[in-house]
PDB file of N, CA and C in Angstrom:
ATOM      1  N   MET A   1       1.044 -23.498 -17.032  1.00  0.00           N
ATOM      2  CA  MET A   1       1.614 -22.152 -17.013  1.00  0.00           C
ATOM      3  C   MET A   1       3.023 -22.195 -17.609  1.00  0.00           C
ATOM      4  N   ASN A   2       3.340 -21.172 -18.383  1.00  0.00           N
ATOM      5  CA  ASN A   2       4.671 -21.029 -18.961  1.00  0.00           C
ATOM      6  C   ASN A   2       5.683 -20.858 -17.824  1.00  0.00           C
ATOM      7  N   PRO A   3       6.793 -21.620 -17.827  1.00  0.00           N
ATOM      8  CA  PRO A   3       7.758 -21.491 -16.741  1.00  0.00           C
ATOM      9  C   PRO A   3       8.626 -20.238 -16.843  1.00  0.00           C
ATOM     10  N   TYR A   4       8.445 -19.429 -17.897  1.00  0.00           N
ATOM     11  CA  TYR A   4       9.241 -18.222 -18.084  1.00  0.00           C
ATOM     12  C   TYR A   4       8.342 -16.987 -18.106  1.00  0.00           C
ATOM     13  N   PHE A   5       8.864 -15.899 -17.566  1.00  0.00           N
ATOM     14  CA  PHE A   5       8.154 -14.625 -17.559  1.00  0.00           C
ATOM     15  C   PHE A   5       8.871 -13.667 -18.496  1.00  0.00           C
ATOM     16  N   ASP A   6       8.138 -13.092 -19.450  1.00  0.00           N
ATOM     17  CA  ASP A   6       8.678 -12.086 -20.357  1.00  0.00           C
ATOM     18  C   ASP A   6       7.971 -10.766 -20.057  1.00  0.00           C
ATOM     19  N   PRO A   7       8.663  -9.838 -19.397  1.00  0.00           N
ATOM     20  CA  PRO A   7       7.993  -8.593 -19.007  1.00  0.00           C
ATOM     21  C   PRO A   7       7.509  -7.756 -20.182  1.00  0.00           C
ATOM     22  N   HIS A   8       8.138  -7.916 -21.348  1.00  0.00           N
ATOM     23  CA  HIS A   8       7.773  -7.100 -22.506  1.00  0.00           C
ATOM     24  C   HIS A   8       6.502  -7.587 -23.194  1.00  0.00           C
ATOM     25  N   SER A   9       6.192  -8.868 -23.052  1.00  0.00           N
ATOM     26  CA  SER A   9       4.977  -9.384 -23.690  1.00  0.00           C
ATOM     27  C   SER A   9       3.837  -9.595 -22.687  1.00  0.00           C
ATOM     28  N   THR A  10       4.083  -9.272 -21.434  1.00  0.00           N
ATOM     29  CA  THR A  10       3.048  -9.396 -20.404  1.00  0.00           C
ATOM     30  C   THR A  10       2.500  -8.010 -20.096  1.00  0.00           C
ATOM     31  N   PRO A  11       1.229  -7.758 -20.411  1.00  0.00           N
ATOM     32  CA  PRO A  11       0.673  -6.415 -20.174  1.00  0.00           C
ATOM     33  C   PRO A  11       0.388  -6.175 -18.688  1.00  0.00           C
ATOM     34  N   TRP A  12       0.391  -4.897 -18.334  1.00  0.00           N
ATOM     35  CA  TRP A  12      -0.026  -4.508 -16.988  1.00  0.00           C
ATOM     36  C   TRP A  12      -1.542  -4.649 -16.880  1.00  0.00           C
ATOM     37  N   THR A  13      -2.016  -5.090 -15.736  1.00  0.00           N
ATOM     38  CA  THR A  13      -3.442  -5.091 -15.413  1.00  0.00           C
ATOM     39  C   THR A  13      -3.708  -3.851 -14.574  1.00  0.00           C
ATOM     40  N   GLU A  14      -4.525  -2.940 -15.097  1.00  0.00           N
ATOM     41  CA  GLU A  14      -4.838  -1.702 -14.380  1.00  0.00           C
ATOM     42  C   GLU A  14      -5.779  -2.006 -13.218  1.00  0.00           C
ATOM     43  N   LEU A  15      -5.389  -1.559 -12.032  1.00  0.00           N
ATOM     44  CA  LEU A  15      -6.205  -1.780 -10.837  1.00  0.00           C
ATOM     45  C   LEU A  15      -6.955  -0.517 -10.430  1.00  0.00           C
ATOM     46  N   GLY A  16      -6.616   0.612 -11.044  1.00  0.00           N
ATOM     47  CA  GLY A  16      -7.241   1.884 -10.702  1.00  0.00           C
ATOM     48  C   GLY A  16      -6.439   2.624  -9.653  1.00  0.00           C
ATOM     49  N   ASP A  17      -6.726   3.907  -9.520  1.00  0.00           N
ATOM     50  CA  ASP A  17      -6.088   4.768  -8.526  1.00  0.00           C
ATOM     51  C   ASP A  17      -4.572   4.776  -8.632  1.00  0.00           C
ATOM     52  N   GLY A  18      -4.048   4.647  -9.877  1.00  0.00           N
ATOM     53  CA  GLY A  18      -2.615   4.759 -10.093  1.00  0.00           C
ATOM     54  C   GLY A  18      -1.811   3.518  -9.765  1.00  0.00           C
ATOM     55  N   ILE A  19      -2.463   2.346  -9.756  1.00  0.00           N
ATOM     56  CA  ILE A  19      -1.780   1.087  -9.430  1.00  0.00           C
ATOM     57  C   ILE A  19      -2.065   0.069 -10.527  1.00  0.00           C
ATOM     58  N   ARG A  20      -1.027  -0.703 -10.894  1.00  0.00           N
ATOM     59  CA  ARG A  20      -1.171  -1.759 -11.898  1.00  0.00           C
ATOM     60  C   ARG A  20      -0.272  -2.932 -11.502  1.00  0.00           C
ATOM     61  N   ARG A  21      -0.578  -4.130 -12.028  1.00  0.00           N
ATOM     62  CA  ARG A  21       0.219  -5.302 -11.677  1.00  0.00           C
ATOM     63  C   ARG A  21       0.428  -6.234 -12.857  1.00  0.00           C
ATOM     64  N   LYS A  22       1.493  -7.036 -12.744  1.00  0.00           N
ATOM     65  CA  LYS A  22       1.788  -8.131 -13.668  1.00  0.00           C
ATOM     66  C   LYS A  22       2.118  -9.343 -12.815  1.00  0.00           C
ATOM     67  N   ILE A  23       1.470 -10.457 -13.077  1.00  0.00           N
ATOM     68  CA  ILE A  23       1.818 -11.698 -12.381  1.00  0.00           C
ATOM     69  C   ILE A  23       3.073 -12.262 -13.038  1.00  0.00           C
ATOM     70  N   VAL A  24       4.111 -12.452 -12.254  1.00  0.00           N
ATOM     71  CA  VAL A  24       5.385 -12.968 -12.752  1.00  0.00           C
ATOM     72  C   VAL A  24       5.316 -14.479 -12.902  1.00  0.00           C
ATOM     73  N   GLY A  25       4.728 -15.138 -11.923  1.00  0.00           N
ATOM     74  CA  GLY A  25       4.589 -16.585 -11.955  1.00  0.00           C
ATOM     75  C   GLY A  25       3.949 -17.081 -10.680  1.00  0.00           C
ATOM     76  N   HIS A  26       3.498 -18.360 -10.721  1.00  0.00           N
ATOM     77  CA  HIS A  26       2.868 -18.907  -9.529  1.00  0.00           C
ATOM     78  C   HIS A  26       2.835 -20.425  -9.584  1.00  0.00           C
ATOM     79  N   THR A  27       2.774 -20.974  -8.395  1.00  0.00           N
ATOM     80  CA  THR A  27       2.476 -22.382  -8.165  1.00  0.00           C
ATOM     81  C   THR A  27       1.356 -22.366  -7.130  1.00  0.00           C
ATOM     82  N   PRO A  28       0.782 -23.495  -6.766  1.00  0.00           N
ATOM     83  CA  PRO A  28      -0.235 -23.453  -5.723  1.00  0.00           C
ATOM     84  C   PRO A  28       0.274 -22.884  -4.387  1.00  0.00           C
ATOM     85  N   GLN A  29       1.577 -23.013  -4.126  1.00  0.00           N
ATOM     86  CA  GLN A  29       2.128 -22.572  -2.849  1.00  0.00           C
ATOM     87  C   GLN A  29       2.759 -21.185  -2.870  1.00  0.00           C
ATOM     88  N   LEU A  30       3.022 -20.621  -4.054  1.00  0.00           N
ATOM     89  CA  LEU A  30       3.810 -19.388  -4.139  1.00  0.00           C
ATOM     90  C   LEU A  30       3.376 -18.551  -5.327  1.00  0.00           C
ATOM     91  N   MET A  31       3.400 -17.215  -5.162  1.00  0.00           N
ATOM     92  CA  MET A  31       3.087 -16.304  -6.264  1.00  0.00           C
ATOM     93  C   MET A  31       3.998 -15.094  -6.172  1.00  0.00           C
ATOM     94  N   SER A  32       4.510 -14.631  -7.333  1.00  0.00           N
ATOM     95  CA  SER A  32       5.281 -13.391  -7.427  1.00  0.00           C
ATOM     96  C   SER A  32       4.549 -12.436  -8.359  1.00  0.00           C
ATOM     97  N   VAL A  33       4.465 -11.177  -7.931  1.00  0.00           N
ATOM     98  CA  VAL A  33       3.682 -10.182  -8.668  1.00  0.00           C
ATOM     99  C   VAL A  33       4.420  -8.850  -8.664  1.00  0.00           C
ATOM    100  N   LEU A  34       4.574  -8.239  -9.845  1.00  0.00           N
ATOM    101  CA  LEU A  34       5.071  -6.875  -9.933  1.00  0.00           C
ATOM    102  C   LEU A  34       3.897  -5.926  -9.748  1.00  0.00           C
ATOM    103  N   VAL A  35       4.087  -4.909  -8.905  1.00  0.00           N
ATOM    104  CA  VAL A  35       3.042  -3.913  -8.683  1.00  0.00           C
ATOM    105  C   VAL A  35       3.671  -2.542  -8.861  1.00  0.00           C
ATOM    106  N   GLN A  36       3.150  -1.782  -9.843  1.00  0.00           N
ATOM    107  CA  GLN A  36       3.685  -0.456 -10.143  1.00  0.00           C
ATOM    108  C   GLN A  36       2.709   0.609  -9.657  1.00  0.00           C
ATOM    109  N   PHE A  37       3.260   1.682  -9.066  1.00  0.00           N
ATOM    110  CA  PHE A  37       2.465   2.752  -8.476  1.00  0.00           C
ATOM    111  C   PHE A  37       2.856   4.098  -9.077  1.00  0.00           C
ATOM    112  N   ASP A  38       1.859   4.935  -9.362  1.00  0.00           N
ATOM    113  CA  ASP A  38       2.115   6.329  -9.656  1.00  0.00           C
ATOM    114  C   ASP A  38       2.468   7.025  -8.346  1.00  0.00           C
ATOM    115  N   LYS A  39       3.160   8.159  -8.437  1.00  0.00           N
ATOM    116  CA  LYS A  39       3.504   8.911  -7.232  1.00  0.00           C
ATOM    117  C   LYS A  39       2.227   9.263  -6.466  1.00  0.00           C
ATOM    118  N   GLY A  40       2.233   8.997  -5.165  1.00  0.00           N
ATOM    119  CA  GLY A  40       1.087   9.292  -4.313  1.00  0.00           C
ATOM    120  C   GLY A  40       0.043   8.200  -4.259  1.00  0.00           C
ATOM    121  N   ALA A  41       0.160   7.190  -5.111  1.00  0.00           N
ATOM    122  CA  ALA A  41      -0.815   6.087  -5.090  1.00  0.00           C
ATOM    123  C   ALA A  41      -0.696   5.331  -3.771  1.00  0.00           C
ATOM    124  N   ILE A  42      -1.836   4.885  -3.283  1.00  0.00           N
ATOM    125  CA  ILE A  42      -1.905   4.263  -1.961  1.00  0.00           C
ATOM    126  C   ILE A  42      -2.285   2.797  -2.075  1.00  0.00           C
ATOM    127  N   GLY A  43      -1.441   1.950  -1.525  1.00  0.00           N
ATOM    128  CA  GLY A  43      -1.789   0.554  -1.303  1.00  0.00           C
ATOM    129  C   GLY A  43      -2.493   0.525   0.043  1.00  0.00           C
ATOM    130  N   THR A  44      -3.811   0.587   0.024  1.00  0.00           N
ATOM    131  CA  THR A  44      -4.626   0.753   1.224  1.00  0.00           C
ATOM    132  C   THR A  44      -4.261  -0.270   2.291  1.00  0.00           C
ATOM    133  N   PRO A  45      -4.085   0.178   3.533  1.00  0.00           N
ATOM    134  CA  PRO A  45      -3.777  -0.768   4.610  1.00  0.00           C
ATOM    135  C   PRO A  45      -4.830  -1.882   4.691  1.00  0.00           C
ATOM    136  N   HIS A  46      -4.327  -3.094   4.814  1.00  0.00           N
ATOM    137  CA  HIS A  46      -5.186  -4.278   4.859  1.00  0.00           C
ATOM    138  C   HIS A  46      -4.424  -5.414   5.519  1.00  0.00           C
ATOM    139  N   ALA A  47      -5.110  -6.504   5.764  1.00  0.00           N
ATOM    140  CA  ALA A  47      -4.495  -7.715   6.318  1.00  0.00           C
ATOM    141  C   ALA A  47      -5.025  -8.903   5.532  1.00  0.00           C
ATOM    142  N   HIS A  48      -4.219  -9.945   5.447  1.00  0.00           N
ATOM    143  CA  HIS A  48      -4.623 -11.173   4.766  1.00  0.00           C
ATOM    144  C   HIS A  48      -5.012 -12.224   5.792  1.00  0.00           C
ATOM    145  N   ASP A  49      -6.053 -12.991   5.488  1.00  0.00           N
ATOM    146  CA  ASP A  49      -6.469 -14.070   6.384  1.00  0.00           C
ATOM    147  C   ASP A  49      -5.498 -15.238   6.351  1.00  0.00           C
ATOM    148  N   VAL A  50      -5.010 -15.589   5.166  1.00  0.00           N
ATOM    149  CA  VAL A  50      -4.156 -16.776   5.051  1.00  0.00           C
ATOM    150  C   VAL A  50      -2.822 -16.514   4.358  1.00  0.00           C
ATOM    151  N   HIS A  51      -2.653 -15.379   3.707  1.00  0.00           N
ATOM    152  CA  HIS A  51      -1.451 -15.135   2.902  1.00  0.00           C
ATOM    153  C   HIS A  51      -0.371 -14.405   3.696  1.00  0.00           C
ATOM    154  N   ASP A  52       0.842 -14.959   3.656  1.00  0.00           N
ATOM    155  CA  ASP A  52       2.022 -14.223   4.096  1.00  0.00           C
ATOM    156  C   ASP A  52       2.545 -13.490   2.867  1.00  0.00           C
ATOM    157  N   GLN A  53       3.156 -12.308   3.080  1.00  0.00           N
ATOM    158  CA  GLN A  53       3.619 -11.490   1.956  1.00  0.00           C
ATOM    159  C   GLN A  53       4.994 -10.917   2.254  1.00  0.00           C
ATOM    160  N   ILE A  54       5.852 -10.944   1.249  1.00  0.00           N
ATOM    161  CA  ILE A  54       7.110 -10.207   1.269  1.00  0.00           C
ATOM    162  C   ILE A  54       7.061  -9.254   0.087  1.00  0.00           C
ATOM    163  N   ALA A  55       7.337  -7.976   0.330  1.00  0.00           N
ATOM    164  CA  ALA A  55       7.330  -6.967  -0.726  1.00  0.00           C
ATOM    165  C   ALA A  55       8.727  -6.360  -0.813  1.00  0.00           C
ATOM    166  N   TYR A  56       9.348  -6.493  -1.989  1.00  0.00           N
ATOM    167  CA  TYR A  56      10.718  -6.034  -2.235  1.00  0.00           C
ATOM    168  C   TYR A  56      10.672  -4.855  -3.202  1.00  0.00           C
ATOM    169  N   VAL A  57      11.313  -3.747  -2.846  1.00  0.00           N
ATOM    170  CA  VAL A  57      11.294  -2.544  -3.674  1.00  0.00           C
ATOM    171  C   VAL A  57      12.315  -2.692  -4.802  1.00  0.00           C
ATOM    172  N   ILE A  58      11.832  -2.657  -6.052  1.00  0.00           N
ATOM    173  CA  ILE A  58      12.756  -2.749  -7.188  1.00  0.00           C
ATOM    174  C   ILE A  58      12.887  -1.430  -7.948  1.00  0.00           C
ATOM    175  N   ALA A  59      12.014  -0.458  -7.658  1.00  0.00           N
ATOM    176  CA  ALA A  59      12.125   0.875  -8.268  1.00  0.00           C
ATOM    177  C   ALA A  59      11.424   1.879  -7.371  1.00  0.00           C
ATOM    178  N   GLY A  60      11.948   3.103  -7.349  1.00  0.00           N
ATOM    179  CA  GLY A  60      11.307   4.166  -6.593  1.00  0.00           C
ATOM    180  C   GLY A  60      11.456   4.026  -5.098  1.00  0.00           C
ATOM    181  N   SER A  61      10.458   4.526  -4.379  1.00  0.00           N
ATOM    182  CA  SER A  61      10.461   4.450  -2.914  1.00  0.00           C
ATOM    183  C   SER A  61       9.029   4.500  -2.391  1.00  0.00           C
ATOM    184  N   PHE A  62       8.874   4.034  -1.170  1.00  0.00           N
ATOM    185  CA  PHE A  62       7.558   3.921  -0.546  1.00  0.00           C
ATOM    186  C   PHE A  62       7.636   4.296   0.927  1.00  0.00           C
ATOM    187  N   GLU A  63       6.538   4.849   1.439  1.00  0.00           N
ATOM    188  CA  GLU A  63       6.346   4.871   2.878  1.00  0.00           C
ATOM    189  C   GLU A  63       5.511   3.636   3.170  1.00  0.00           C
ATOM    190  N   ALA A  64       6.053   2.742   3.964  1.00  0.00           N
ATOM    191  CA  ALA A  64       5.356   1.504   4.301  1.00  0.00           C
ATOM    192  C   ALA A  64       4.964   1.523   5.763  1.00  0.00           C
ATOM    193  N   GLU A  65       3.880   0.825   6.063  1.00  0.00           N
ATOM    194  CA  GLU A  65       3.480   0.617   7.452  1.00  0.00           C
ATOM    195  C   GLU A  65       3.116  -0.856   7.610  1.00  0.00           C
ATOM    196  N   VAL A  66       3.778  -1.514   8.547  1.00  0.00           N
ATOM    197  CA  VAL A  66       3.511  -2.915   8.842  1.00  0.00           C
ATOM    198  C   VAL A  66       3.316  -3.037  10.343  1.00  0.00           C
ATOM    199  N   ALA A  67       2.173  -3.570  10.736  1.00  0.00           N
ATOM    200  CA  ALA A  67       1.852  -3.783  12.160  1.00  0.00           C
ATOM    201  C   ALA A  67       2.056  -2.505  12.978  1.00  0.00           C
ATOM    202  N   GLY A  68       1.666  -1.355  12.389  1.00  0.00           N
ATOM    203  CA  GLY A  68       1.724  -0.092  13.096  1.00  0.00           C
ATOM    204  C   GLY A  68       3.065   0.616  13.079  1.00  0.00           C
ATOM    205  N   VAL A  69       4.071   0.034  12.434  1.00  0.00           N
ATOM    206  CA  VAL A  69       5.402   0.633  12.369  1.00  0.00           C
ATOM    207  C   VAL A  69       5.635   1.175  10.955  1.00  0.00           C
ATOM    208  N   LYS A  70       5.925   2.492  10.848  1.00  0.00           N
ATOM    209  CA  LYS A  70       6.158   3.126   9.549  1.00  0.00           C
ATOM    210  C   LYS A  70       7.652   3.213   9.265  1.00  0.00           C
ATOM    211  N   ARG A  71       7.982   3.102   7.963  1.00  0.00           N
ATOM    212  CA  ARG A  71       9.373   3.223   7.528  1.00  0.00           C
ATOM    213  C   ARG A  71       9.384   3.589   6.044  1.00  0.00           C
ATOM    214  N   VAL A  72      10.358   4.393   5.643  1.00  0.00           N
ATOM    215  CA  VAL A  72      10.539   4.693   4.230  1.00  0.00           C
ATOM    216  C   VAL A  72      11.443   3.618   3.639  1.00  0.00           C
ATOM    217  N   LEU A  73      10.995   3.031   2.535  1.00  0.00           N
ATOM    218  CA  LEU A  73      11.733   1.963   1.869  1.00  0.00           C
ATOM    219  C   LEU A  73      12.227   2.441   0.511  1.00  0.00           C
ATOM    220  N   HIS A  74      13.469   2.094   0.190  1.00  0.00           N
ATOM    221  CA  HIS A  74      14.106   2.444  -1.075  1.00  0.00           C
ATOM    222  C   HIS A  74      14.470   1.159  -1.810  1.00  0.00           C
ATOM    223  N   VAL A  75      14.981   1.292  -3.034  1.00  0.00           N
ATOM    224  CA  VAL A  75      15.384   0.136  -3.835  1.00  0.00           C
ATOM    225  C   VAL A  75      16.286  -0.772  -3.006  1.00  0.00           C
ATOM    226  N   GLY A  76      15.932  -2.052  -2.988  1.00  0.00           N
ATOM    227  CA  GLY A  76      16.692  -3.047  -2.230  1.00  0.00           C
ATOM    228  C   GLY A  76      16.121  -3.332  -0.855  1.00  0.00           C
ATOM    229  N   ASP A  77      15.215  -2.484  -0.374  1.00  0.00           N
ATOM    230  CA  ASP A  77      14.558  -2.716   0.910  1.00  0.00           C
ATOM    231  C   ASP A  77      13.331  -3.597   0.704  1.00  0.00           C
ATOM    232  N   ALA A  78      12.838  -4.167   1.782  1.00  0.00           N
ATOM    233  CA  ALA A  78      11.652  -5.027   1.718  1.00  0.00           C
ATOM    234  C   ALA A  78      10.919  -4.979   3.043  1.00  0.00           C
ATOM    235  N   PHE A  79       9.673  -5.441   3.006  1.00  0.00           N
ATOM    236  CA  PHE A  79       8.952  -5.692   4.260  1.00  0.00           C
ATOM    237  C   PHE A  79       8.331  -7.074   4.210  1.00  0.00           C
ATOM    238  N   VAL A  80       8.107  -7.614   5.392  1.00  0.00           N
ATOM    239  CA  VAL A  80       7.445  -8.908   5.555  1.00  0.00           C
ATOM    240  C   VAL A  80       6.177  -8.668   6.354  1.00  0.00           C
ATOM    241  N   ALA A  81       5.056  -9.143   5.827  1.00  0.00           N
ATOM    242  CA  ALA A  81       3.773  -9.039   6.528  1.00  0.00           C
ATOM    243  C   ALA A  81       3.183 -10.439   6.641  1.00  0.00           C
ATOM    244  N   GLU A  82       3.322 -11.012   7.814  1.00  0.00           N
ATOM    245  CA  GLU A  82       2.698 -12.319   8.055  1.00  0.00           C
ATOM    246  C   GLU A  82       1.201 -12.111   8.251  1.00  0.00           C
ATOM    247  N   HIS A  83       0.413 -13.120   7.875  1.00  0.00           N
ATOM    248  CA  HIS A  83      -1.023 -12.983   8.127  1.00  0.00           C
ATOM    249  C   HIS A  83      -1.240 -13.064   9.639  1.00  0.00           C
ATOM    250  N   PRO A  84      -2.095 -12.315  10.235  1.00  0.00           N
ATOM    251  CA  PRO A  84      -2.989 -11.281   9.707  1.00  0.00           C
ATOM    252  C   PRO A  84      -2.508  -9.857  10.018  1.00  0.00           C
ATOM    253  N   GLN A  85      -1.220  -9.551   9.863  1.00  0.00           N
ATOM    254  CA  GLN A  85      -0.705  -8.210  10.149  1.00  0.00           C
ATOM    255  C   GLN A  85      -1.240  -7.179   9.152  1.00  0.00           C
ATOM    256  N   MET A  86      -1.630  -6.032   9.672  1.00  0.00           N
ATOM    257  CA  MET A  86      -2.030  -4.910   8.822  1.00  0.00           C
ATOM    258  C   MET A  86      -0.788  -4.359   8.137  1.00  0.00           C
ATOM    259  N   HIS A  87      -0.928  -3.998   6.846  1.00  0.00           N
ATOM    260  CA  HIS A  87       0.183  -3.422   6.104  1.00  0.00           C
ATOM    261  C   HIS A  87      -0.361  -2.601   4.940  1.00  0.00           C
ATOM    262  N   GLY A  88       0.420  -1.611   4.518  1.00  0.00           N
ATOM    263  CA  GLY A  88       0.052  -0.771   3.396  1.00  0.00           C
ATOM    264  C   GLY A  88       1.227   0.092   2.993  1.00  0.00           C
ATOM    265  N   VAL A  89       1.108   0.747   1.829  1.00  0.00           N
ATOM    266  CA  VAL A  89       2.186   1.593   1.319  1.00  0.00           C
ATOM    267  C   VAL A  89       1.623   2.841   0.648  1.00  0.00           C
ATOM    268  N   VAL A  90       2.483   3.850   0.546  1.00  0.00           N
ATOM    269  CA  VAL A  90       2.230   5.037  -0.268  1.00  0.00           C
ATOM    270  C   VAL A  90       3.467   5.234  -1.136  1.00  0.00           C
ATOM    271  N   ALA A  91       3.280   5.361  -2.447  1.00  0.00           N
ATOM    272  CA  ALA A  91       4.405   5.565  -3.359  1.00  0.00           C
ATOM    273  C   ALA A  91       4.902   6.997  -3.254  1.00  0.00           C
ATOM    274  N   LEU A  92       6.212   7.136  -3.074  1.00  0.00           N
ATOM    275  CA  LEU A  92       6.810   8.461  -2.935  1.00  0.00           C
ATOM    276  C   LEU A  92       7.372   8.988  -4.253  1.00  0.00           C
ATOM    277  N   GLU A  93       7.471   8.123  -5.282  1.00  0.00           N
ATOM    278  CA  GLU A  93       7.988   8.510  -6.585  1.00  0.00           C
ATOM    279  C   GLU A  93       7.112   7.873  -7.668  1.00  0.00           C
ATOM    280  N   ASP A  94       7.101   8.507  -8.844  1.00  0.00           N
ATOM    281  CA  ASP A  94       6.359   7.942  -9.960  1.00  0.00           C
ATOM    282  C   ASP A  94       7.019   6.644 -10.416  1.00  0.00           C
ATOM    283  N   LYS A  95       6.198   5.695 -10.833  1.00  0.00           N
ATOM    284  CA  LYS A  95       6.634   4.385 -11.317  1.00  0.00           C
ATOM    285  C   LYS A  95       7.442   3.620 -10.272  1.00  0.00           C
ATOM    286  N   SER A  96       7.077   3.770  -9.010  1.00  0.00           N
ATOM    287  CA  SER A  96       7.663   2.942  -7.960  1.00  0.00           C
ATOM    288  C   SER A  96       7.114   1.531  -8.113  1.00  0.00           C
ATOM    289  N   VAL A  97       7.969   0.523  -7.916  1.00  0.00           N
ATOM    290  CA  VAL A  97       7.572  -0.860  -8.167  1.00  0.00           C
ATOM    291  C   VAL A  97       7.961  -1.753  -7.004  1.00  0.00           C
ATOM    292  N   LEU A  98       6.998  -2.572  -6.582  1.00  0.00           N
ATOM    293  CA  LEU A  98       7.237  -3.640  -5.612  1.00  0.00           C
ATOM    294  C   LEU A  98       7.189  -4.978  -6.333  1.00  0.00           C
ATOM    295  N   LEU A  99       8.033  -5.892  -5.903  1.00  0.00           N
ATOM    296  CA  LEU A  99       7.910  -7.293  -6.300  1.00  0.00           C
ATOM    297  C   LEU A  99       7.347  -8.005  -5.083  1.00  0.00           C
ATOM    298  N   ASP A 100       6.051  -8.329  -5.160  1.00  0.00           N
ATOM    299  CA  ASP A 100       5.349  -8.987  -4.058  1.00  0.00           C
ATOM    300  C   ASP A 100       5.442 -10.496  -4.206  1.00  0.00           C
ATOM    301  N   HIS A 101       5.642 -11.156  -3.093  1.00  0.00           N
ATOM    302  CA  HIS A 101       5.625 -12.619  -3.038  1.00  0.00           C
ATOM    303  C   HIS A 101       4.554 -13.015  -2.029  1.00  0.00           C
ATOM    304  N   PHE A 102       3.729 -13.972  -2.405  1.00  0.00           N
ATOM    305  CA  PHE A 102       2.656 -14.451  -1.534  1.00  0.00           C
ATOM    306  C   PHE A 102       2.750 -15.956  -1.378  1.00  0.00           C
ATOM    307  N   THR A 103       2.430 -16.415  -0.194  1.00  0.00           N
ATOM    308  CA  THR A 103       2.247 -17.839   0.032  1.00  0.00           C
ATOM    309  C   THR A 103       1.028 -18.016   0.931  1.00  0.00           C
ATOM    310  N   PRO A 104       0.086 -18.879   0.524  1.00  0.00           N
ATOM    311  CA  PRO A 104      -0.038 -19.520  -0.783  1.00  0.00           C
ATOM    312  C   PRO A 104      -0.374 -18.474  -1.847  1.00  0.00           C
ATOM    313  N   ARG A 105      -0.487 -18.911  -3.121  1.00  0.00           N
ATOM    314  CA  ARG A 105      -0.763 -17.962  -4.192  1.00  0.00           C
ATOM    315  C   ARG A 105      -2.122 -17.293  -3.966  1.00  0.00           C
ATOM    316  N   ARG A 106      -2.280 -16.120  -4.576  1.00  0.00           N
ATOM    317  CA  ARG A 106      -3.518 -15.349  -4.501  1.00  0.00           C
ATOM    318  C   ARG A 106      -4.448 -15.815  -5.614  1.00  0.00           C
ATOM    319  N   GLU A 107      -5.360 -16.697  -5.283  1.00  0.00           N
ATOM    320  CA  GLU A 107      -6.324 -17.200  -6.270  1.00  0.00           C
ATOM    321  C   GLU A 107      -7.156 -16.055  -6.856  1.00  0.00           C
ATOM    322  N   ASP A 108      -7.436 -15.024  -6.034  1.00  0.00           N
ATOM    323  CA  ASP A 108      -8.234 -13.896  -6.497  1.00  0.00           C
ATOM    324  C   ASP A 108      -7.532 -13.094  -7.596  1.00  0.00           C
ATOM    325  N   TYR A 109      -6.225 -13.203  -7.740  1.00  0.00           N
ATOM    326  CA  TYR A 109      -5.492 -12.514  -8.793  1.00  0.00           C
ATOM    327  C   TYR A 109      -5.607 -13.244 -10.136  1.00  0.00           C
ATOM    328  N   LEU A 110      -6.024 -14.494 -10.125  1.00  0.00           N
ATOM    329  CA  LEU A 110      -6.042 -15.290 -11.332  1.00  0.00           C
ATOM    330  C   LEU A 110      -7.320 -15.132 -12.142  1.00  0.00           C
ATOM    331  N   GLY A 111      -8.309 -14.470 -11.588  1.00  0.00           N
ATOM    332  CA  GLY A 111      -9.549 -14.208 -12.321  1.00  0.00           C
ATOM    333  C   GLY A 111     -10.491 -15.393 -12.309  1.00  0.00           C
ATOM    334  N   PRO A 112     -11.557 -15.268 -13.100  1.00  0.00           N
ATOM    335  CA  PRO A 112     -12.583 -16.314 -13.107  1.00  0.00           C
ATOM    336  C   PRO A 112     -12.126 -17.597 -13.758  1.00  0.00           C
TER     337      PRO A 112
END
């Protein structure tokens, strides 16, 4: 894997329902991913079996819910969701972006 990330030459992967992502980088133990949301797009509440996640807001704002606690997050805010805590978000502005960090990396994001 290239040790450098160039956001201009890395295309977004469309996930549907107004959400797209770019993998910033990864090792077997760690992964960083940009996730962009259209206004109103929903990161459906879910829990991970083995992945811990930190999500840092780099653009826009979100209503987040982690382990049953809701909070509005703005640029510079973050949430931590240890496995197996339920968590999800709703984008409150167009082109809201999270920088997600996972440990270990999400093998399912790497494709076949």
